[in-house]
Amino acid sequence: MAYNLHIFRGTDWTDGADDPITADELLSIDGVEKFSQPPITNPRTGLSMSMGMNNMYSFGKAVFMLEDGMITVACRNEDVPDVMRPLAEALGAVIQGDEEEYY
């Protein structure tokens, strides 16, 4: 199970976003891009598969999901809070971990 960080405008990520972050707002921030991955093709069968990533974005080296007005990013190393802090600041949002601690 991954440990996640949540970027949102509100008091606690478990309560949801008080002021939801929108995709348009997110994409207006310098450095945020829509994340896409090319389809994967099985060389033996020729079957091509792609994943629906309509709510996936990237910022620097981080890839994250925007859902229900909140950003969720899997925290795979201790640098993630620092990488995401400028994004949270640009959105006027806070960063909170799964265990309700703030960064």
C-alpha atoms as a PDB file:
ATOM      1  CA  MET A   1       0.000   0.000   0.000  1.00  0.00           C
ATOM      2  CA  ALA A   2       1.377   3.390  -0.966  1.00  0.00           C
ATOM      3  CA  TYR A   3       1.584   6.377   1.318  1.00  0.00           C
ATOM      4  CA  ASN A   4      -0.118   9.406  -0.250  1.00  0.00           C
ATOM      5  CA  LEU A   5       0.114  13.142   0.109  1.00  0.00           C
ATOM      6  CA  HIS A   6      -2.966  15.248  -0.549  1.00  0.00           C
ATOM      7  CA  ILE A   7      -2.943  18.822  -1.802  1.00  0.00           C
ATOM      8  CA  PHE A   8      -6.219  20.612  -1.203  1.00  0.00           C
ATOM      9  CA  ARG A   9      -7.878  23.768   0.059  1.00  0.00           C
ATOM     10  CA  GLY A  10      -9.641  22.919   3.282  1.00  0.00           C
ATOM     11  CA  THR A  11      -9.008  21.810   6.845  1.00  0.00           C
ATOM     12  CA  ASP A  12      -8.515  18.047   6.547  1.00  0.00           C
ATOM     13  CA  TRP A  13      -8.139  15.900   3.425  1.00  0.00           C
ATOM     14  CA  THR A  14     -10.561  13.322   4.820  1.00  0.00           C
ATOM     15  CA  ASP A  15     -13.316  15.975   4.796  1.00  0.00           C
ATOM     16  CA  GLY A  16     -12.784  16.732   1.102  1.00  0.00           C
ATOM     17  CA  ALA A  17     -11.912  20.004  -0.574  1.00  0.00           C
ATOM     18  CA  ASP A  18     -13.681  23.141   0.687  1.00  0.00           C
ATOM     19  CA  ASP A  19     -12.624  25.019  -2.461  1.00  0.00           C
ATOM     20  CA  PRO A  20     -12.020  22.376  -5.177  1.00  0.00           C
ATOM     21  CA  ILE A  21      -8.987  22.617  -7.447  1.00  0.00           C
ATOM     22  CA  THR A  22     -10.012  22.494 -11.102  1.00  0.00           C
ATOM     23  CA  ALA A  23      -8.158  21.019 -14.064  1.00  0.00           C
ATOM     24  CA  ASP A  24      -8.108  24.422 -15.813  1.00  0.00           C
ATOM     25  CA  GLU A  25      -6.658  26.065 -12.722  1.00  0.00           C
ATOM     26  CA  LEU A  26      -4.059  23.338 -12.397  1.00  0.00           C
ATOM     27  CA  LEU A  27      -2.976  23.565 -16.039  1.00  0.00           C
ATOM     28  CA  SER A  28      -2.574  27.343 -15.745  1.00  0.00           C
ATOM     29  CA  ILE A  29       0.371  26.821 -13.351  1.00  0.00           C
ATOM     30  CA  ASP A  30       3.793  26.918 -14.961  1.00  0.00           C
ATOM     31  CA  GLY A  31       5.303  23.432 -15.021  1.00  0.00           C
ATOM     32  CA  VAL A  32       2.049  21.456 -14.763  1.00  0.00           C
ATOM     33  CA  GLU A  33       1.272  19.258 -17.748  1.00  0.00           C
ATOM     34  CA  LYS A  34      -1.310  16.659 -18.638  1.00  0.00           C
ATOM     35  CA  PHE A  35       0.326  13.247 -18.142  1.00  0.00           C
ATOM     36  CA  SER A  36       0.125  10.790 -20.967  1.00  0.00           C
ATOM     37  CA  GLN A  37       1.776   7.498 -21.594  1.00  0.00           C
ATOM     38  CA  PRO A  38       1.998   5.913 -25.028  1.00  0.00           C
ATOM     39  CA  PRO A  39       0.101   2.670 -25.546  1.00  0.00           C
ATOM     40  CA  ILE A  40       1.970  -0.523 -24.727  1.00  0.00           C
ATOM     41  CA  THR A  41       2.041  -3.133 -27.496  1.00  0.00           C
ATOM     42  CA  ASN A  42       2.599  -6.827 -26.913  1.00  0.00           C
ATOM     43  CA  PRO A  43       5.255  -7.772 -29.503  1.00  0.00           C
ATOM     44  CA  ARG A  44       3.946 -11.343 -29.855  1.00  0.00           C
ATOM     45  CA  THR A  45       0.263 -10.614 -30.282  1.00  0.00           C
ATOM     46  CA  GLY A  46       0.294  -7.031 -31.516  1.00  0.00           C
ATOM     47  CA  LEU A  47      -2.353  -6.216 -28.901  1.00  0.00           C
ATOM     48  CA  SER A  48      -2.095  -2.582 -27.879  1.00  0.00           C
ATOM     49  CA  MET A  49      -3.211  -1.407 -24.436  1.00  0.00           C
ATOM     50  CA  SER A  50      -3.483   2.048 -22.988  1.00  0.00           C
ATOM     51  CA  MET A  51      -4.605   3.285 -19.628  1.00  0.00           C
ATOM     52  CA  GLY A  52      -7.203   5.977 -19.140  1.00  0.00           C
ATOM     53  CA  MET A  53      -5.315   8.846 -17.569  1.00  0.00           C
ATOM     54  CA  ASN A  54      -7.792  11.686 -17.934  1.00  0.00           C
ATOM     55  CA  ASN A  55      -7.149  12.899 -14.404  1.00  0.00           C
ATOM     56  CA  MET A  56      -3.351  12.426 -14.343  1.00  0.00           C
ATOM     57  CA  TYR A  57      -0.889  15.337 -14.404  1.00  0.00           C
ATOM     58  CA  SER A  58       2.814  15.914 -13.910  1.00  0.00           C
ATOM     59  CA  PHE A  59       4.817  18.603 -12.159  1.00  0.00           C
ATOM     60  CA  GLY A  60       8.568  18.207 -12.378  1.00  0.00           C
ATOM     61  CA  LYS A  61       9.273  14.522 -11.789  1.00  0.00           C
ATOM     62  CA  ALA A  62       6.054  13.939  -9.851  1.00  0.00           C
ATOM     63  CA  VAL A  63       2.984  12.350 -11.414  1.00  0.00           C
ATOM     64  CA  PHE A  64      -0.276  12.825  -9.574  1.00  0.00           C
ATOM     65  CA  MET A  65      -4.040  12.513  -9.805  1.00  0.00           C
ATOM     66  CA  LEU A  66      -6.666  15.253  -9.572  1.00  0.00           C
ATOM     67  CA  GLU A  67      -9.914  13.874  -8.227  1.00  0.00           C
ATOM     68  CA  ASP A  68     -12.797  15.467  -6.338  1.00  0.00           C
ATOM     69  CA  GLY A  69     -10.978  18.804  -6.288  1.00  0.00           C
ATOM     70  CA  MET A  70      -7.893  17.389  -4.559  1.00  0.00           C
ATOM     71  CA  ILE A  71      -4.465  16.313  -5.772  1.00  0.00           C
ATOM     72  CA  THR A  72      -3.170  12.947  -4.592  1.00  0.00           C
ATOM     73  CA  VAL A  73       0.446  11.949  -5.122  1.00  0.00           C
ATOM     74  CA  ALA A  74       2.065   8.681  -4.065  1.00  0.00           C
ATOM     75  CA  CYS A  75       4.949   9.501  -1.765  1.00  0.00           C
ATOM     76  CA  ARG A  76       7.692   7.134  -2.826  1.00  0.00           C
ATOM     77  CA  ASN A  77      10.563   9.099  -1.269  1.00  0.00           C
ATOM     78  CA  GLU A  78      11.116  11.873   1.258  1.00  0.00           C
ATOM     79  CA  ASP A  79      11.662  14.525  -1.456  1.00  0.00           C
ATOM     80  CA  VAL A  80       8.039  14.498  -2.643  1.00  0.00           C
ATOM     81  CA  PRO A  81       6.740  17.088  -0.134  1.00  0.00           C
ATOM     82  CA  ASP A  82       9.485  19.526  -1.186  1.00  0.00           C
ATOM     83  CA  VAL A  83       8.853  18.876  -4.895  1.00  0.00           C
ATOM     84  CA  MET A  84       5.114  19.497  -4.494  1.00  0.00           C
ATOM     85  CA  ARG A  85       5.343  22.493  -2.125  1.00  0.00           C
ATOM     86  CA  PRO A  86       5.624  25.123  -4.926  1.00  0.00           C
ATOM     87  CA  LEU A  87       2.524  23.649  -6.576  1.00  0.00           C
ATOM     88  CA  ALA A  88       0.563  23.762  -3.315  1.00  0.00           C
ATOM     89  CA  GLU A  89       1.663  27.357  -2.718  1.00  0.00           C
ATOM     90  CA  ALA A  90       0.643  28.398  -6.243  1.00  0.00           C
ATOM     91  CA  LEU A  91      -2.805  26.913  -5.608  1.00  0.00           C
ATOM     92  CA  GLY A  92      -3.165  28.464  -2.163  1.00  0.00           C
ATOM     93  CA  ALA A  93      -3.462  24.911  -0.837  1.00  0.00           C
ATOM     94  CA  VAL A  94      -1.960  22.775   1.915  1.00  0.00           C
ATOM     95  CA  ILE A  95      -0.185  19.417   1.834  1.00  0.00           C
ATOM     96  CA  GLN A  96      -1.399  16.740   4.228  1.00  0.00           C
ATOM     97  CA  GLY A  97      -0.329  13.111   4.521  1.00  0.00           C
ATOM     98  CA  ASP A  98      -2.471  10.016   4.966  1.00  0.00           C
ATOM     99  CA  GLU A  99      -1.874  10.142   8.713  1.00  0.00           C
ATOM    100  CA  GLU A 100      -3.203  13.735   8.811  1.00  0.00           C
ATOM    101  CA  GLU A 101       0.192  15.438   9.305  1.00  0.00           C
ATOM    102  CA  TYR A 102       0.844  18.698   7.433  1.00  0.00           C
ATOM    103  CA  TYR A 103       3.932  19.488   5.393  1.00  0.00           C
END
